[in-house]
């Protein structure tokens, strides 16, 4: 199993970013996928989850309405569209296959003016 996150960077408050996670080594459509994040000095937290065929999504309360998780099973890629970013969203963002204990290297998101 391999997960490669990309799309992070430095963005001003109120800005947007779209993260991508390219997955390989397993039957992608059979597994729910999630995005997690770890902010400096904090525990890793769940951001959002999407079912195998993309028909069900779930979000942490603080991200609901600002973040959108999606997936393209043909490309074995999961995305996280982040809008209205706040400094508190600064973290390393990771994707994960639910049910498989493998993590990617993460992608750094920094929200600062």
Protein backbone atom coordinates (compact mmCIF):
# COMPACT_ATOMS: atom_id res chain seq x y z
CA UNK A 1 0.00 0.00 0.00
CA UNK A 2 1.33 3.41 -0.96
CA UNK A 3 -0.22 6.82 -0.31
CA UNK A 4 1.29 10.01 -1.71
CA UNK A 5 -0.19 13.31 -0.60
CA UNK A 6 0.36 16.57 -2.45
CA UNK A 7 -1.07 20.04 -2.87
CA UNK A 8 -0.12 21.64 0.41
CA UNK A 9 1.51 25.03 0.73
CA UNK A 10 1.32 28.48 2.22
CA UNK A 11 -2.01 30.29 1.86
CA UNK A 12 -3.48 33.45 3.35
CA UNK A 13 -6.47 33.29 5.71
CA UNK A 14 -9.65 32.96 3.70
CA UNK A 15 -7.85 31.24 0.87
CA UNK A 16 -8.27 27.78 -0.64
CA UNK A 17 -6.20 24.72 -1.34
CA UNK A 18 -6.91 21.36 -2.92
CA UNK A 19 -5.04 18.38 -1.58
CA UNK A 20 -4.61 15.14 -3.49
CA UNK A 21 -3.70 11.65 -2.35
CA UNK A 22 -2.62 9.14 -4.96
CA UNK A 23 -3.14 5.59 -3.72
CA UNK A 24 -1.82 2.28 -4.99
CA UNK A 25 -1.29 -1.30 -3.89
CA UNK A 26 -4.87 -2.22 -2.99
CA UNK A 27 -8.34 -2.32 -4.54
CA UNK A 28 -9.10 1.36 -4.11
CA UNK A 29 -12.87 1.33 -4.61
CA UNK A 30 -13.38 -1.25 -1.86
CA UNK A 31 -12.14 1.00 0.90
CA UNK A 32 -13.30 4.15 2.58
CA UNK A 33 -10.66 6.86 2.58
CA UNK A 34 -10.04 9.57 5.12
CA UNK A 35 -8.05 12.74 5.58
CA UNK A 36 -6.45 13.40 8.95
CA UNK A 37 -4.34 16.27 10.16
CA UNK A 38 -1.82 16.95 12.89
CA UNK A 39 -1.34 20.50 14.04
CA UNK A 40 1.81 21.55 15.93
CA UNK A 41 1.66 20.29 19.49
CA UNK A 42 -1.65 18.49 18.99
CA UNK A 43 -2.85 14.95 18.42
CA UNK A 44 -3.72 13.77 14.94
CA UNK A 45 -7.42 14.34 14.23
CA UNK A 46 -9.89 13.07 11.68
CA UNK A 47 -10.90 15.65 9.07
CA UNK A 48 -13.21 13.80 6.70
CA UNK A 49 -14.11 10.34 5.42
CA UNK A 50 -15.58 9.16 2.13
CA UNK A 51 -17.05 5.74 1.35
CA UNK A 52 -15.65 3.46 -1.33
CA UNK A 53 -17.97 4.65 -4.07
CA UNK A 54 -18.14 8.20 -2.82
CA UNK A 55 -21.81 8.14 -1.92
CA UNK A 56 -21.30 8.85 1.76
CA UNK A 57 -19.13 11.49 3.38
CA UNK A 58 -18.57 12.61 6.93
CA UNK A 59 -16.75 15.62 8.36
CA UNK A 60 -15.41 16.84 11.65
CA UNK A 61 -17.64 19.59 12.97
CA UNK A 62 -15.08 22.36 12.57
CA UNK A 63 -14.52 21.51 8.88
CA UNK A 64 -18.12 20.98 7.83
CA UNK A 65 -19.17 23.52 5.22
CA UNK A 66 -15.58 24.57 4.47
CA UNK A 67 -13.95 21.31 3.38
CA UNK A 68 -15.10 18.83 0.74
CA UNK A 69 -13.75 15.31 0.36
CA UNK A 70 -14.10 13.54 -2.97
CA UNK A 71 -12.55 10.66 -4.86
CA UNK A 72 -11.90 9.46 -8.38
CA UNK A 73 -11.83 5.67 -8.37
CA UNK A 74 -10.55 5.54 -11.94
CA UNK A 75 -7.51 7.55 -10.87
CA UNK A 76 -7.30 5.93 -7.41
CA UNK A 77 -7.05 9.39 -5.93
CA UNK A 78 -8.82 11.09 -3.07
CA UNK A 79 -9.08 14.87 -2.78
CA UNK A 80 -9.70 17.43 -0.08
CA UNK A 81 -10.93 20.83 -1.21
CA UNK A 82 -10.35 23.33 1.58
CA UNK A 83 -12.00 26.74 1.46
CA UNK A 84 -12.17 29.66 3.90
CA UNK A 85 -8.94 28.52 5.49
CA UNK A 86 -8.05 29.73 8.96
CA UNK A 87 -4.72 29.86 10.80
CA UNK A 88 -6.03 27.00 13.00
CA UNK A 89 -6.09 24.82 9.89
CA UNK A 90 -2.28 24.88 9.80
CA UNK A 91 -1.18 21.26 10.05
CA UNK A 92 0.32 18.34 8.22
CA UNK A 93 -2.48 16.61 6.32
CA UNK A 94 -2.47 12.87 5.77
CA UNK A 95 -4.70 10.51 3.87
CA UNK A 96 -5.45 7.03 5.11
CA UNK A 97 -7.13 3.87 3.91
CA UNK A 98 -9.71 2.97 6.54
CA UNK A 99 -8.93 -0.55 7.72
CA UNK A 100 -5.28 -0.53 6.63
CA UNK A 101 -2.67 0.86 8.99
CA UNK A 102 -0.53 2.70 6.48
CA UNK A 103 0.14 6.44 6.34
CA UNK A 104 1.64 8.62 3.67
CA UNK A 105 4.30 11.23 4.31
CA UNK A 106 1.73 13.99 4.62
CA UNK A 107 1.58 17.43 3.05
CA UNK A 108 2.12 20.65 5.00
CA UNK A 109 -0.60 23.29 4.96
CA UNK A 110 0.25 26.66 6.46
CA UNK A 111 -2.38 29.38 6.76
CA UNK A 112 -0.77 32.70 7.53
CA UNK A 113 -0.76 36.29 6.39
